[in-house]
Amino acid sequence: MNFAEQLASSLGMSADTANKLLLTAGIVVGIILLRWGLLLAFLWRKEDSRLRYRWRKVSAYGALLVALILVGRIWLAGVESLITYLGLVSAGIAIALKDPILNIIGWVFVSSRRPFVVGDRVAVGEHTGDVIDISLATFSILEVWGHDRGEQTSGRIIHIPNGVLLSQPLANFTQGFNYVWNEIPVTVTFESDWCAAKEILQRIVAAEADAVTLAAEQGIRRAGRRFMLHPESTEPAVYTRIAEDGVELTIRYLCEPKRRRITTQAIGEAILEAFSEAPRIDFAYRTSRIFRQTEEGKATLRPTAESS
């Protein structure tokens, strides 16, 4: 009596079923060993974490597909028509496994259209973070705080179902054009020399964003091959607006999404140093003051003794 017959006898099943179980186990073990052997052969001395991650994912999905095909041929050999069989169970599966099916469809969308890849910074619904893993059912992001908190990581990992991508908008901060516009408002008093302040800000932002401008122009051209983008100037600029508290000068420049806080700090420190050495420039801030119209403001607008 061979091992298959002994297994059938001990488990109370037919010899044919026991043979199928043994073949299935052999196929699964063989595919696992083959996958690990290929990974060791190709990734033995590879230090690139992205390459290692990509090989692991591709090999896992490939092994799963091969296993399903081989095991399916074993267990579905007696079915007259696979299409007929699938038709009988498809309605029940669609109802019972609605969310898992949507997640798989979402994974197919991510794999085929590639709206993001591992390493991209994305926003889905109220969650923003860097993609660190993509699986059949979910994708994981390392959460980052909002713009008001520096857009730095919070340390939390959020797992989002792939099906969410079919019903909610997705924002990708790093795909195609790898830069975002950052704005820093600076307000000086009405009495300050705002023209000199604007020149100082223009020099500071030009020095900070000079290396980014050329790379951003090349990035726009590359992204234009895939998306319908309207070219615009990538040069940094300073815009002027009259605000309630003074003259608001808004710096606008391009930077990498993950370096927004670093560049904001560098520009902010440079502004503080430059304004401290400018006697005719002062920051504006909310405060209370008494304005004497007879002594302050434009002389031509002061009331005369006759009118008073």
C-alpha atoms as a PDB file:
ATOM      1  CA  MET A   1       0.000   0.000   0.000  1.00  0.00           C
ATOM      2  CA  ASN A   2       1.517   3.341  -1.071  1.00  0.00           C
ATOM      3  CA  PHE A   3       1.395   6.604   0.854  1.00  0.00           C
ATOM      4  CA  ALA A   4      -1.656   7.917  -1.033  1.00  0.00           C
ATOM      5  CA  GLU A   5      -3.655   4.819  -0.188  1.00  0.00           C
ATOM      6  CA  GLN A   6      -2.576   5.019   3.458  1.00  0.00           C
ATOM      7  CA  LEU A   7      -3.613   8.675   3.606  1.00  0.00           C
ATOM      8  CA  ALA A   8      -6.993   7.894   2.013  1.00  0.00           C
ATOM      9  CA  SER A   9      -7.579   5.072   4.452  1.00  0.00           C
ATOM     10  CA  SER A  10      -6.642   7.104   7.530  1.00  0.00           C
ATOM     11  CA  LEU A  11      -8.714  10.159   6.505  1.00  0.00           C
ATOM     12  CA  GLY A  12     -11.650   8.219   5.129  1.00  0.00           C
ATOM     13  CA  MET A  13     -11.495   9.597   1.600  1.00  0.00           C
ATOM     14  CA  SER A  14     -11.100   8.143  -1.855  1.00  0.00           C
ATOM     15  CA  ALA A  15      -7.691   7.389  -3.303  1.00  0.00           C
ATOM     16  CA  ASP A  16      -8.312   9.886  -6.107  1.00  0.00           C
ATOM     17  CA  THR A  17      -8.923  12.700  -3.613  1.00  0.00           C
ATOM     18  CA  ALA A  18      -5.821  11.727  -1.642  1.00  0.00           C
ATOM     19  CA  ASN A  19      -3.727  11.845  -4.819  1.00  0.00           C
ATOM     20  CA  LYS A  20      -5.062  15.303  -5.599  1.00  0.00           C
ATOM     21  CA  LEU A  21      -4.201  16.510  -2.101  1.00  0.00           C
ATOM     22  CA  LEU A  22      -0.649  15.188  -2.411  1.00  0.00           C
ATOM     23  CA  LEU A  23      -0.211  16.769  -5.846  1.00  0.00           C
ATOM     24  CA  THR A  24      -1.553  20.095  -4.535  1.00  0.00           C
ATOM     25  CA  ALA A  25       0.815  20.046  -1.556  1.00  0.00           C
ATOM     26  CA  GLY A  26       3.740  19.149  -3.825  1.00  0.00           C
ATOM     27  CA  ILE A  27       2.936  21.989  -6.233  1.00  0.00           C
ATOM     28  CA  VAL A  28       2.618  24.557  -3.410  1.00  0.00           C
ATOM     29  CA  VAL A  29       5.869  23.494  -1.739  1.00  0.00           C
ATOM     30  CA  GLY A  30       7.700  23.357  -5.065  1.00  0.00           C
ATOM     31  CA  ILE A  31       6.560  26.832  -6.101  1.00  0.00           C
ATOM     32  CA  ILE A  32       7.532  28.302  -2.697  1.00  0.00           C
ATOM     33  CA  LEU A  33      11.000  26.765  -2.890  1.00  0.00           C
ATOM     34  CA  LEU A  34      11.439  27.883  -6.487  1.00  0.00           C
ATOM     35  CA  ARG A  35      10.412  31.460  -5.609  1.00  0.00           C
ATOM     36  CA  TRP A  36      12.828  31.687  -2.727  1.00  0.00           C
ATOM     37  CA  GLY A  37      15.592  30.213  -4.844  1.00  0.00           C
ATOM     38  CA  LEU A  38      15.048  32.830  -7.544  1.00  0.00           C
ATOM     39  CA  LEU A  39      14.972  35.627  -4.982  1.00  0.00           C
ATOM     40  CA  LEU A  40      18.243  34.482  -3.452  1.00  0.00           C
ATOM     41  CA  ALA A  41      19.849  34.222  -6.874  1.00  0.00           C
ATOM     42  CA  PHE A  42      18.789  37.681  -8.083  1.00  0.00           C
ATOM     43  CA  LEU A  43      18.888  39.667  -4.827  1.00  0.00           C
ATOM     44  CA  TRP A  44      21.933  38.143  -3.141  1.00  0.00           C
ATOM     45  CA  ARG A  45      24.035  41.319  -3.428  1.00  0.00           C
ATOM     46  CA  LYS A  46      21.405  43.881  -4.295  1.00  0.00           C
ATOM     47  CA  GLU A  47      21.252  46.753  -1.781  1.00  0.00           C
ATOM     48  CA  ASP A  48      18.543  48.807  -3.514  1.00  0.00           C
ATOM     49  CA  SER A  49      15.497  48.535  -1.243  1.00  0.00           C
ATOM     50  CA  ARG A  50      13.095  49.517  -4.052  1.00  0.00           C
ATOM     51  CA  LEU A  51      14.471  46.754  -6.327  1.00  0.00           C
ATOM     52  CA  ARG A  52      14.246  44.151  -3.563  1.00  0.00           C
ATOM     53  CA  TYR A  53      10.679  45.175  -2.733  1.00  0.00           C
ATOM     54  CA  ARG A  54       9.636  45.058  -6.414  1.00  0.00           C
ATOM     55  CA  TRP A  55      11.143  41.587  -6.948  1.00  0.00           C
ATOM     56  CA  ARG A  56       9.431  40.222  -3.844  1.00  0.00           C
ATOM     57  CA  LYS A  57       6.032  41.550  -4.936  1.00  0.00           C
ATOM     58  CA  VAL A  58       6.318  40.411  -8.557  1.00  0.00           C
ATOM     59  CA  SER A  59       7.550  36.965  -7.578  1.00  0.00           C
ATOM     60  CA  ALA A  60       4.752  36.558  -4.999  1.00  0.00           C
ATOM     61  CA  TYR A  61       2.013  37.442  -7.501  1.00  0.00           C
ATOM     62  CA  GLY A  62       3.616  35.288 -10.193  1.00  0.00           C
ATOM     63  CA  ALA A  63       3.872  32.308  -7.853  1.00  0.00           C
ATOM     64  CA  LEU A  64       0.240  32.725  -6.811  1.00  0.00           C
ATOM     65  CA  LEU A  65      -0.908  32.825 -10.436  1.00  0.00           C
ATOM     66  CA  VAL A  66       1.068  29.700 -11.395  1.00  0.00           C
ATOM     67  CA  ALA A  67      -0.204  27.848  -8.317  1.00  0.00           C
ATOM     68  CA  LEU A  68      -3.838  28.719  -9.111  1.00  0.00           C
ATOM     69  CA  ILE A  69      -3.463  27.495 -12.694  1.00  0.00           C
ATOM     70  CA  LEU A  70      -1.774  24.198 -11.778  1.00  0.00           C
ATOM     71  CA  VAL A  71      -4.006  23.444  -8.790  1.00  0.00           C
ATOM     72  CA  GLY A  72      -7.090  24.408 -10.775  1.00  0.00           C
ATOM     73  CA  ARG A  73      -6.206  21.909 -13.495  1.00  0.00           C
ATOM     74  CA  ILE A  74      -6.052  19.185 -10.840  1.00  0.00           C
ATOM     75  CA  TRP A  75      -9.317  19.886  -9.043  1.00  0.00           C
ATOM     76  CA  LEU A  76     -11.405  21.109 -12.007  1.00  0.00           C
ATOM     77  CA  ALA A  77     -10.496  18.330 -14.407  1.00  0.00           C
ATOM     78  CA  GLY A  78     -13.913  16.719 -14.068  1.00  0.00           C
ATOM     79  CA  VAL A  79     -15.958  19.853 -14.669  1.00  0.00           C
ATOM     80  CA  GLU A  80     -17.616  19.837 -18.081  1.00  0.00           C
ATOM     81  CA  SER A  81     -17.515  23.550 -18.551  1.00  0.00           C
ATOM     82  CA  LEU A  82     -15.610  25.955 -16.328  1.00  0.00           C
ATOM     83  CA  ILE A  83     -17.712  28.843 -17.617  1.00  0.00           C
ATOM     84  CA  THR A  84     -20.912  27.089 -16.557  1.00  0.00           C
ATOM     85  CA  TYR A  85     -19.464  26.358 -13.137  1.00  0.00           C
ATOM     86  CA  LEU A  86     -18.342  29.930 -12.592  1.00  0.00           C
ATOM     87  CA  GLY A  87     -21.735  31.204 -13.709  1.00  0.00           C
ATOM     88  CA  LEU A  88     -23.463  29.175 -10.988  1.00  0.00           C
ATOM     89  CA  VAL A  89     -21.381  30.621  -8.180  1.00  0.00           C
ATOM     90  CA  SER A  90     -20.665  34.131  -9.469  1.00  0.00           C
ATOM     91  CA  ALA A  91     -23.905  35.638  -8.135  1.00  0.00           C
ATOM     92  CA  GLY A  92     -23.292  34.351  -4.611  1.00  0.00           C
ATOM     93  CA  ILE A  93     -19.652  35.404  -4.672  1.00  0.00           C
ATOM     94  CA  ALA A  94     -20.533  38.905  -5.864  1.00  0.00           C
ATOM     95  CA  ILE A  95     -22.864  39.393  -2.894  1.00  0.00           C
ATOM     96  CA  ALA A  96     -20.797  37.697  -0.195  1.00  0.00           C
ATOM     97  CA  LEU A  97     -17.422  39.035  -1.294  1.00  0.00           C
ATOM     98  CA  LYS A  98     -18.342  42.510  -2.513  1.00  0.00           C
ATOM     99  CA  ASP A  99     -15.621  44.384  -0.622  1.00  0.00           C
ATOM    100  CA  PRO A 100     -12.794  41.891  -1.370  1.00  0.00           C
ATOM    101  CA  ILE A 101     -13.736  41.948  -5.066  1.00  0.00           C
ATOM    102  CA  LEU A 102     -13.664  45.748  -5.095  1.00  0.00           C
ATOM    103  CA  ASN A 103     -10.252  45.653  -3.421  1.00  0.00           C
ATOM    104  CA  ILE A 104      -8.924  43.281  -6.083  1.00  0.00           C
ATOM    105  CA  ILE A 105     -10.331  45.500  -8.839  1.00  0.00           C
ATOM    106  CA  GLY A 106      -8.642  48.448  -7.159  1.00  0.00           C
ATOM    107  CA  TRP A 107      -5.363  46.511  -7.104  1.00  0.00           C
ATOM    108  CA  VAL A 108      -5.736  45.790 -10.836  1.00  0.00           C
ATOM    109  CA  PHE A 109      -6.283  49.528 -11.362  1.00  0.00           C
ATOM    110  CA  VAL A 110      -3.148  50.389  -9.391  1.00  0.00           C
ATOM    111  CA  SER A 111      -1.087  47.731 -11.187  1.00  0.00           C
ATOM    112  CA  SER A 112      -2.230  48.682 -14.692  1.00  0.00           C
ATOM    113  CA  ARG A 113      -2.677  52.470 -14.564  1.00  0.00           C
ATOM    114  CA  ARG A 114      -0.041  53.028 -11.860  1.00  0.00           C
ATOM    115  CA  PRO A 115      -1.582  56.153 -10.288  1.00  0.00           C
ATOM    116  CA  PHE A 116       1.116  55.763  -7.638  1.00  0.00           C
ATOM    117  CA  VAL A 117       4.067  53.542  -6.792  1.00  0.00           C
ATOM    118  CA  VAL A 118       5.916  52.789  -3.573  1.00  0.00           C
ATOM    119  CA  GLY A 119       7.614  55.967  -2.384  1.00  0.00           C
ATOM    120  CA  ASP A 120       5.059  58.439  -3.767  1.00  0.00           C
ATOM    121  CA  ARG A 121       3.338  60.921  -1.491  1.00  0.00           C
ATOM    122  CA  VAL A 122      -0.426  60.675  -1.940  1.00  0.00           C
ATOM    123  CA  ALA A 123      -3.642  61.956  -0.388  1.00  0.00           C
ATOM    124  CA  VAL A 124      -6.792  59.809  -0.307  1.00  0.00           C
ATOM    125  CA  GLY A 125      -9.773  61.303   1.449  1.00  0.00           C
ATOM    126  CA  GLU A 126      -8.559  62.774   4.740  1.00  0.00           C
ATOM    127  CA  HIS A 127      -5.345  60.717   4.795  1.00  0.00           C
ATOM    128  CA  THR A 128      -1.995  61.907   3.429  1.00  0.00           C
ATOM    129  CA  GLY A 129       1.259  59.983   3.485  1.00  0.00           C
ATOM    130  CA  ASP A 130       4.074  58.201   1.681  1.00  0.00           C
ATOM    131  CA  VAL A 131       3.185  54.852   0.080  1.00  0.00           C
ATOM    132  CA  ILE A 132       5.260  52.082   1.684  1.00  0.00           C
ATOM    133  CA  ASP A 133       3.447  48.936   0.501  1.00  0.00           C
ATOM    134  CA  ILE A 134       0.916  47.779  -2.107  1.00  0.00           C
ATOM    135  CA  SER A 135      -0.838  44.446  -1.663  1.00  0.00           C
ATOM    136  CA  LEU A 136      -3.782  42.609  -3.205  1.00  0.00           C
ATOM    137  CA  ALA A 137      -6.312  43.993  -0.712  1.00  0.00           C
ATOM    138  CA  THR A 138      -4.799  47.196   0.686  1.00  0.00           C
ATOM    139  CA  PHE A 139      -2.035  49.716   0.283  1.00  0.00           C
ATOM    140  CA  SER A 140      -0.187  51.214   3.240  1.00  0.00           C
ATOM    141  CA  ILE A 141       1.004  54.774   3.772  1.00  0.00           C
ATOM    142  CA  LEU A 142       3.255  56.346   6.365  1.00  0.00           C
ATOM    143  CA  GLU A 143       1.087  59.233   7.521  1.00  0.00           C
ATOM    144  CA  VAL A 144       2.299  62.831   7.332  1.00  0.00           C
ATOM    145  CA  TRP A 145       0.811  65.820   9.103  1.00  0.00           C
ATOM    146  CA  GLY A 146      -0.869  68.688   7.278  1.00  0.00           C
ATOM    147  CA  HIS A 147       0.785  71.759   5.786  1.00  0.00           C
ATOM    148  CA  ASP A 148       0.293  73.718   9.013  1.00  0.00           C
ATOM    149  CA  ARG A 149       2.390  71.135  10.887  1.00  0.00           C
ATOM    150  CA  GLY A 150       5.266  70.918   8.458  1.00  0.00           C
ATOM    151  CA  GLU A 151       4.132  67.865   6.478  1.00  0.00           C
ATOM    152  CA  GLN A 152       6.414  65.584   8.454  1.00  0.00           C
ATOM    153  CA  THR A 153       5.667  61.984   9.333  1.00  0.00           C
ATOM    154  CA  SER A 154       3.485  61.232  12.329  1.00  0.00           C
ATOM    155  CA  GLY A 155       4.916  57.724  12.726  1.00  0.00           C
ATOM    156  CA  ARG A 156       1.557  56.038  12.103  1.00  0.00           C
ATOM    157  CA  ILE A 157       1.046  53.502   9.315  1.00  0.00           C
ATOM    158  CA  ILE A 158      -2.433  53.587   7.737  1.00  0.00           C
ATOM    159  CA  HIS A 159      -3.763  50.627   5.720  1.00  0.00           C
ATOM    160  CA  ILE A 160      -6.304  51.738   3.106  1.00  0.00           C
ATOM    161  CA  PRO A 161      -8.486  49.264   1.121  1.00  0.00           C
ATOM    162  CA  ASN A 162      -7.774  49.353  -2.611  1.00  0.00           C
ATOM    163  CA  GLY A 163     -11.498  49.650  -3.322  1.00  0.00           C
ATOM    164  CA  VAL A 164     -11.452  53.196  -1.922  1.00  0.00           C
ATOM    165  CA  LEU A 165      -9.605  54.306  -5.064  1.00  0.00           C
ATOM    166  CA  LEU A 166     -12.713  53.525  -7.137  1.00  0.00           C
ATOM    167  CA  SER A 167     -14.923  55.977  -5.234  1.00  0.00           C
ATOM    168  CA  GLN A 168     -12.658  58.704  -3.810  1.00  0.00           C
ATOM    169  CA  PRO A 169     -10.296  61.152  -5.518  1.00  0.00           C
ATOM    170  CA  LEU A 170      -6.583  60.470  -5.307  1.00  0.00           C
ATOM    171  CA  ALA A 171      -3.921  63.201  -5.195  1.00  0.00           C
ATOM    172  CA  ASN A 172      -0.324  62.304  -6.060  1.00  0.00           C
ATOM    173  CA  PHE A 173       2.279  64.894  -5.028  1.00  0.00           C
ATOM    174  CA  THR A 174       5.284  63.260  -6.701  1.00  0.00           C
ATOM    175  CA  GLN A 175       4.085  61.600  -9.916  1.00  0.00           C
ATOM    176  CA  GLY A 176       5.349  62.974 -13.211  1.00  0.00           C
ATOM    177  CA  PHE A 177       6.067  66.531 -12.041  1.00  0.00           C
ATOM    178  CA  ASN A 178       7.976  66.025  -8.798  1.00  0.00           C
ATOM    179  CA  TYR A 179       7.561  69.543  -7.418  1.00  0.00           C
ATOM    180  CA  VAL A 180       4.849  71.579  -5.701  1.00  0.00           C
ATOM    181  CA  TRP A 181       4.359  75.308  -5.324  1.00  0.00           C
ATOM    182  CA  ASN A 182       4.997  76.589  -1.816  1.00  0.00           C
ATOM    183  CA  GLU A 183       3.956  80.029  -0.595  1.00  0.00           C
ATOM    184  CA  ILE A 184       5.274  82.012   2.373  1.00  0.00           C
ATOM    185  CA  PRO A 185       3.426  85.236   3.266  1.00  0.00           C
ATOM    186  CA  VAL A 186       5.436  88.030   4.907  1.00  0.00           C
ATOM    187  CA  THR A 187       3.701  91.200   6.096  1.00  0.00           C
ATOM    188  CA  VAL A 188       5.526  94.489   6.701  1.00  0.00           C
ATOM    189  CA  THR A 189       4.090  97.675   8.177  1.00  0.00           C
ATOM    190  CA  PHE A 190       2.656 100.404   5.989  1.00  0.00           C
ATOM    191  CA  GLU A 191       5.456 102.691   7.163  1.00  0.00           C
ATOM    192  CA  SER A 192       8.149 100.255   6.007  1.00  0.00           C
ATOM    193  CA  ASP A 193       9.987 100.508   2.702  1.00  0.00           C
ATOM    194  CA  TRP A 194       8.033  97.674   1.126  1.00  0.00           C
ATOM    195  CA  CYS A 195       9.871  98.009  -2.203  1.00  0.00           C
ATOM    196  CA  ALA A 196      13.200  97.321  -0.488  1.00  0.00           C
ATOM    197  CA  ALA A 197      11.579  94.436   1.426  1.00  0.00           C
ATOM    198  CA  LYS A 198      10.312  92.939  -1.832  1.00  0.00           C
ATOM    199  CA  GLU A 199      13.788  93.131  -3.389  1.00  0.00           C
ATOM    200  CA  ILE A 200      15.258  91.356  -0.361  1.00  0.00           C
ATOM    201  CA  LEU A 201      12.673  88.575  -0.571  1.00  0.00           C
ATOM    202  CA  GLN A 202      13.292  88.140  -4.294  1.00  0.00           C
ATOM    203  CA  ARG A 203      17.030  87.716  -3.716  1.00  0.00           C
ATOM    204  CA  ILE A 204      16.463  85.197  -0.936  1.00  0.00           C
ATOM    205  CA  VAL A 205      13.982  83.012  -2.802  1.00  0.00           C
ATOM    206  CA  ALA A 206      16.035  83.146  -6.003  1.00  0.00           C
ATOM    207  CA  ALA A 207      19.076  81.834  -4.136  1.00  0.00           C
ATOM    208  CA  GLU A 208      17.028  79.055  -2.504  1.00  0.00           C
ATOM    209  CA  ALA A 209      15.099  77.920  -5.593  1.00  0.00           C
ATOM    210  CA  ASP A 210      17.740  78.467  -8.284  1.00  0.00           C
ATOM    211  CA  ALA A 211      18.800  74.807  -8.391  1.00  0.00           C
ATOM    212  CA  VAL A 212      15.187  73.645  -8.610  1.00  0.00           C
ATOM    213  CA  THR A 213      14.088  75.816 -11.540  1.00  0.00           C
ATOM    214  CA  LEU A 214      15.962  73.969 -14.302  1.00  0.00           C
ATOM    215  CA  ALA A 215      15.004  70.533 -12.956  1.00  0.00           C
ATOM    216  CA  ALA A 216      11.365  71.658 -12.686  1.00  0.00           C
ATOM    217  CA  GLU A 217      11.301  72.775 -16.327  1.00  0.00           C
ATOM    218  CA  GLN A 218      12.603  69.367 -17.399  1.00  0.00           C
ATOM    219  CA  GLY A 219      10.024  67.688 -15.160  1.00  0.00           C
ATOM    220  CA  ILE A 220       7.183  69.650 -16.780  1.00  0.00           C
ATOM    221  CA  ARG A 221       8.320  68.549 -20.238  1.00  0.00           C
ATOM    222  CA  ARG A 222       8.443  64.905 -19.136  1.00  0.00           C
ATOM    223  CA  ALA A 223       5.034  65.091 -17.471  1.00  0.00           C
ATOM    224  CA  GLY A 224       3.600  66.764 -20.585  1.00  0.00           C
ATOM    225  CA  ARG A 225       4.181  63.552 -22.538  1.00  0.00           C
ATOM    226  CA  ARG A 226       1.707  61.746 -20.280  1.00  0.00           C
ATOM    227  CA  PHE A 227      -0.636  64.456 -19.007  1.00  0.00           C
ATOM    228  CA  MET A 228      -2.191  67.507 -20.610  1.00  0.00           C
ATOM    229  CA  LEU A 229      -0.216  70.177 -18.791  1.00  0.00           C
ATOM    230  CA  HIS A 230      -0.128  73.850 -19.715  1.00  0.00           C
ATOM    231  CA  PRO A 231       3.454  75.133 -19.335  1.00  0.00           C
ATOM    232  CA  GLU A 232       3.897  77.990 -16.897  1.00  0.00           C
ATOM    233  CA  SER A 233       6.857  79.872 -15.568  1.00  0.00           C
ATOM    234  CA  THR A 234       8.849  77.974 -12.964  1.00  0.00           C
ATOM    235  CA  GLU A 235      10.687  81.078 -11.773  1.00  0.00           C
ATOM    236  CA  PRO A 236      10.133  82.072  -8.119  1.00  0.00           C
ATOM    237  CA  ALA A 237       8.140  85.253  -7.575  1.00  0.00           C
ATOM    238  CA  VAL A 238       7.047  87.676  -4.861  1.00  0.00           C
ATOM    239  CA  TYR A 239       3.497  89.058  -4.999  1.00  0.00           C
ATOM    240  CA  THR A 240       2.211  92.217  -3.302  1.00  0.00           C
ATOM    241  CA  ARG A 241      -1.146  92.657  -1.565  1.00  0.00           C
ATOM    242  CA  ILE A 242      -2.542  95.331   0.707  1.00  0.00           C
ATOM    243  CA  ALA A 243      -3.688  93.594   3.893  1.00  0.00           C
ATOM    244  CA  GLU A 244      -5.417  94.852   7.038  1.00  0.00           C
ATOM    245  CA  ASP A 245      -2.204  94.893   9.071  1.00  0.00           C
ATOM    246  CA  GLY A 246       0.220  96.115   6.412  1.00  0.00           C
ATOM    247  CA  VAL A 247       1.702  95.233   3.040  1.00  0.00           C
ATOM    248  CA  GLU A 248       1.643  91.474   2.493  1.00  0.00           C
ATOM    249  CA  LEU A 249       4.478  90.106   0.328  1.00  0.00           C
ATOM    250  CA  THR A 250       3.889  86.470  -0.650  1.00  0.00           C
ATOM    251  CA  ILE A 251       6.849  84.362  -1.766  1.00  0.00           C
ATOM    252  CA  ARG A 252       5.961  81.645  -4.295  1.00  0.00           C
ATOM    253  CA  TYR A 253       8.497  79.040  -5.374  1.00  0.00           C
ATOM    254  CA  LEU A 254       8.835  75.394  -6.394  1.00  0.00           C
ATOM    255  CA  CYS A 255      10.176  72.758  -4.053  1.00  0.00           C
ATOM    256  CA  GLU A 256      10.116  69.007  -3.580  1.00  0.00           C
ATOM    257  CA  PRO A 257       7.061  67.917  -1.554  1.00  0.00           C
ATOM    258  CA  LYS A 258       9.153  66.235   1.120  1.00  0.00           C
ATOM    259  CA  ARG A 259      11.430  69.283   1.506  1.00  0.00           C
ATOM    260  CA  ARG A 260       8.709  71.900   2.022  1.00  0.00           C
ATOM    261  CA  ARG A 261       9.427  72.378   5.720  1.00  0.00           C
ATOM    262  CA  ILE A 262      13.196  72.474   5.221  1.00  0.00           C
ATOM    263  CA  THR A 263      13.018  75.164   2.538  1.00  0.00           C
ATOM    264  CA  THR A 264      10.440  77.151   4.517  1.00  0.00           C
ATOM    265  CA  GLN A 265      12.796  77.179   7.502  1.00  0.00           C
ATOM    266  CA  ALA A 266      15.816  78.198   5.408  1.00  0.00           C
ATOM    267  CA  ILE A 267      13.939  81.065   3.739  1.00  0.00           C
ATOM    268  CA  GLY A 268      12.390  82.161   7.046  1.00  0.00           C
ATOM    269  CA  GLU A 269      15.770  82.370   8.798  1.00  0.00           C
ATOM    270  CA  ALA A 270      17.255  84.280   5.871  1.00  0.00           C
ATOM    271  CA  ILE A 271      14.374  86.784   6.029  1.00  0.00           C
ATOM    272  CA  LEU A 272      14.837  87.319   9.767  1.00  0.00           C
ATOM    273  CA  GLU A 273      18.557  88.009   9.332  1.00  0.00           C
ATOM    274  CA  ALA A 274      18.011  90.340   6.359  1.00  0.00           C
ATOM    275  CA  PHE A 275      15.221  92.365   7.969  1.00  0.00           C
ATOM    276  CA  SER A 276      17.185  92.742  11.215  1.00  0.00           C
ATOM    277  CA  GLU A 277      19.835  94.634   9.230  1.00  0.00           C
ATOM    278  CA  ALA A 278      17.307  96.808   7.354  1.00  0.00           C
ATOM    279  CA  PRO A 279      16.416  99.890   9.477  1.00  0.00           C
ATOM    280  CA  ARG A 280      13.544 100.933   7.200  1.00  0.00           C
ATOM    281  CA  ILE A 281      11.739  97.566   7.263  1.00  0.00           C
ATOM    282  CA  ASP A 282       9.679  96.165  10.116  1.00  0.00           C
ATOM    283  CA  PHE A 283       7.304  93.214  10.435  1.00  0.00           C
ATOM    284  CA  ALA A 284       3.622  93.919  10.854  1.00  0.00           C
ATOM    285  CA  TYR A 285       1.577  92.156  13.475  1.00  0.00           C
ATOM    286  CA  ARG A 286      -1.784  92.599  15.104  1.00  0.00           C
ATOM    287  CA  THR A 287      -1.641  95.363  17.670  1.00  0.00           C
ATOM    288  CA  SER A 288      -3.591  98.440  18.858  1.00  0.00           C
ATOM    289  CA  ARG A 289      -2.480 101.987  18.212  1.00  0.00           C
ATOM    290  CA  ILE A 290      -3.822 105.552  18.436  1.00  0.00           C
ATOM    291  CA  PHE A 291      -3.699 107.450  15.160  1.00  0.00           C
ATOM    292  CA  ARG A 292      -3.530 111.251  15.432  1.00  0.00           C
ATOM    293  CA  GLN A 293      -4.701 112.559  12.114  1.00  0.00           C
ATOM    294  CA  THR A 294      -3.324 116.038  12.810  1.00  0.00           C
ATOM    295  CA  GLU A 295       0.201 114.697  13.326  1.00  0.00           C
ATOM    296  CA  GLU A 296       0.498 111.495  11.287  1.00  0.00           C
ATOM    297  CA  GLY A 297      -0.201 110.341   7.763  1.00  0.00           C
ATOM    298  CA  LYS A 298       0.164 112.406   4.606  1.00  0.00           C
ATOM    299  CA  ALA A 299       0.459 116.104   5.239  1.00  0.00           C
ATOM    300  CA  THR A 300      -1.999 116.951   2.488  1.00  0.00           C
ATOM    301  CA  LEU A 301      -4.679 114.865   4.212  1.00  0.00           C
ATOM    302  CA  ARG A 302      -4.289 116.417   7.656  1.00  0.00           C
ATOM    303  CA  PRO A 303      -7.136 118.683   8.746  1.00  0.00           C
ATOM    304  CA  THR A 304      -6.336 122.391   8.724  1.00  0.00           C
ATOM    305  CA  ALA A 305      -7.017 124.800  11.533  1.00  0.00           C
ATOM    306  CA  GLU A 306      -9.901 126.341   9.581  1.00  0.00           C
ATOM    307  CA  SER A 307     -11.648 123.005   9.036  1.00  0.00           C
ATOM    308  CA  SER A 308     -11.195 122.034  12.642  1.00  0.00           C
END
